[in-house]
Amino acid sequence: MLINYFPLEFEFDEYEINAVENSQEYFKELRDKYNSTHSFFNIGSKIYISNKDGEELNIGKSHSRFWCRFC
């Protein structure tokens, strides 16, 4: 049996993530251009952009998220 499991540990309580309207063309364009420094994922009508290691892209609307260590 194989298990695809990787534990995550967050070292912060709050983080910022940007969101833009979803389109497959724009999603591909963002990944092609910035995938080495940012993570992109689409959920519903939004593409969410998370900075991994680079300057902020300053596109989309910024959202604050809180991490619950006890949830």
C-alpha atoms as a PDB file:
ATOM      1  CA  MET A   1       0.000   0.000   0.000  1.00  0.00           C
ATOM      2  CA  LEU A   2       1.285   3.459  -0.909  1.00  0.00           C
ATOM      3  CA  ILE A   3       0.323   6.579   0.982  1.00  0.00           C
ATOM      4  CA  ASN A   4       0.821  10.067  -0.399  1.00  0.00           C
ATOM      5  CA  TYR A   5       1.270  11.925   2.887  1.00  0.00           C
ATOM      6  CA  PHE A   6       3.331  14.991   3.659  1.00  0.00           C
ATOM      7  CA  PRO A   7       2.905  16.749   7.028  1.00  0.00           C
ATOM      8  CA  LEU A   8       2.593  20.525   6.931  1.00  0.00           C
ATOM      9  CA  GLU A   9       3.720  22.836   9.680  1.00  0.00           C
ATOM     10  CA  PHE A  10       2.722  26.492   9.575  1.00  0.00           C
ATOM     11  CA  GLU A  11       4.988  28.942  11.367  1.00  0.00           C
ATOM     12  CA  PHE A  12       2.469  31.784  11.260  1.00  0.00           C
ATOM     13  CA  ASP A  13      -1.078  32.515  12.355  1.00  0.00           C
ATOM     14  CA  GLU A  14      -2.130  34.788   9.490  1.00  0.00           C
ATOM     15  CA  TYR A  15      -1.233  34.907   5.823  1.00  0.00           C
ATOM     16  CA  GLU A  16      -2.160  36.861   2.697  1.00  0.00           C
ATOM     17  CA  ILE A  17      -3.372  35.300  -0.517  1.00  0.00           C
ATOM     18  CA  ASN A  18      -4.559  36.997  -3.709  1.00  0.00           C
ATOM     19  CA  ALA A  19      -7.529  35.979  -5.835  1.00  0.00           C
ATOM     20  CA  VAL A  20      -8.498  36.790  -9.427  1.00  0.00           C
ATOM     21  CA  GLU A  21     -11.356  35.635 -11.631  1.00  0.00           C
ATOM     22  CA  ASN A  22     -10.780  32.158 -13.018  1.00  0.00           C
ATOM     23  CA  SER A  23     -10.132  31.402 -16.663  1.00  0.00           C
ATOM     24  CA  GLN A  24      -8.144  28.442 -17.953  1.00  0.00           C
ATOM     25  CA  GLU A  25      -6.104  30.684 -20.271  1.00  0.00           C
ATOM     26  CA  TYR A  26      -5.132  33.089 -17.485  1.00  0.00           C
ATOM     27  CA  PHE A  27      -4.403  30.193 -15.109  1.00  0.00           C
ATOM     28  CA  LYS A  28      -2.001  28.671 -17.655  1.00  0.00           C
ATOM     29  CA  GLU A  29      -0.407  32.066 -18.352  1.00  0.00           C
ATOM     30  CA  LEU A  30       0.238  32.693 -14.636  1.00  0.00           C
ATOM     31  CA  ARG A  31       1.710  29.223 -14.112  1.00  0.00           C
ATOM     32  CA  ASP A  32       3.911  29.473 -17.191  1.00  0.00           C
ATOM     33  CA  LYS A  33       5.274  32.849 -16.124  1.00  0.00           C
ATOM     34  CA  TYR A  34       5.473  32.665 -12.307  1.00  0.00           C
ATOM     35  CA  ASN A  35       5.300  29.004 -11.238  1.00  0.00           C
ATOM     36  CA  SER A  36       8.872  29.012  -9.874  1.00  0.00           C
ATOM     37  CA  THR A  37       8.056  31.745  -7.323  1.00  0.00           C
ATOM     38  CA  HIS A  38       4.294  31.418  -6.719  1.00  0.00           C
ATOM     39  CA  SER A  39       1.667  28.714  -6.256  1.00  0.00           C
ATOM     40  CA  PHE A  40      -1.576  28.849  -8.209  1.00  0.00           C
ATOM     41  CA  PHE A  41      -4.751  26.905  -7.660  1.00  0.00           C
ATOM     42  CA  ASN A  42      -8.280  27.397  -8.877  1.00  0.00           C
ATOM     43  CA  ILE A  43     -11.363  26.801  -6.819  1.00  0.00           C
ATOM     44  CA  GLY A  44     -14.730  27.603  -8.334  1.00  0.00           C
ATOM     45  CA  SER A  45     -14.688  30.989 -10.009  1.00  0.00           C
ATOM     46  CA  LYS A  46     -11.339  32.136  -8.524  1.00  0.00           C
ATOM     47  CA  ILE A  47      -7.632  31.592  -9.119  1.00  0.00           C
ATOM     48  CA  TYR A  48      -5.746  31.861  -5.830  1.00  0.00           C
ATOM     49  CA  ILE A  49      -2.143  33.089  -5.846  1.00  0.00           C
ATOM     50  CA  SER A  50       0.253  32.308  -3.030  1.00  0.00           C
ATOM     51  CA  ASN A  51       3.782  33.719  -2.908  1.00  0.00           C
ATOM     52  CA  LYS A  52       6.375  30.969  -2.364  1.00  0.00           C
ATOM     53  CA  ASP A  53       9.607  32.857  -2.923  1.00  0.00           C
ATOM     54  CA  GLY A  54       9.461  36.097  -4.838  1.00  0.00           C
ATOM     55  CA  GLU A  55       8.088  39.582  -5.031  1.00  0.00           C
ATOM     56  CA  GLU A  56       4.365  40.179  -4.731  1.00  0.00           C
ATOM     57  CA  LEU A  57       2.636  40.164  -8.113  1.00  0.00           C
ATOM     58  CA  ASN A  58       0.159  42.878  -7.084  1.00  0.00           C
ATOM     59  CA  ILE A  59      -2.641  41.372  -9.127  1.00  0.00           C
ATOM     60  CA  GLY A  60      -6.065  40.426  -7.895  1.00  0.00           C
ATOM     61  CA  LYS A  61      -7.633  41.180  -4.548  1.00  0.00           C
ATOM     62  CA  SER A  62      -5.737  40.420  -1.346  1.00  0.00           C
ATOM     63  CA  HIS A  63      -7.405  38.271   1.310  1.00  0.00           C
ATOM     64  CA  SER A  64      -6.194  37.688   4.855  1.00  0.00           C
ATOM     65  CA  ARG A  65      -6.516  34.149   6.117  1.00  0.00           C
ATOM     66  CA  PHE A  66      -6.036  32.834   9.621  1.00  0.00           C
ATOM     67  CA  TRP A  67      -4.587  29.447  10.439  1.00  0.00           C
ATOM     68  CA  CYS A  68      -6.217  27.622  13.313  1.00  0.00           C
ATOM     69  CA  ARG A  69      -3.689  25.382  15.058  1.00  0.00           C
ATOM     70  CA  PHE A  70      -6.411  23.544  16.965  1.00  0.00           C
ATOM     71  CA  CYS A  71      -9.016  22.977  14.243  1.00  0.00           C
END
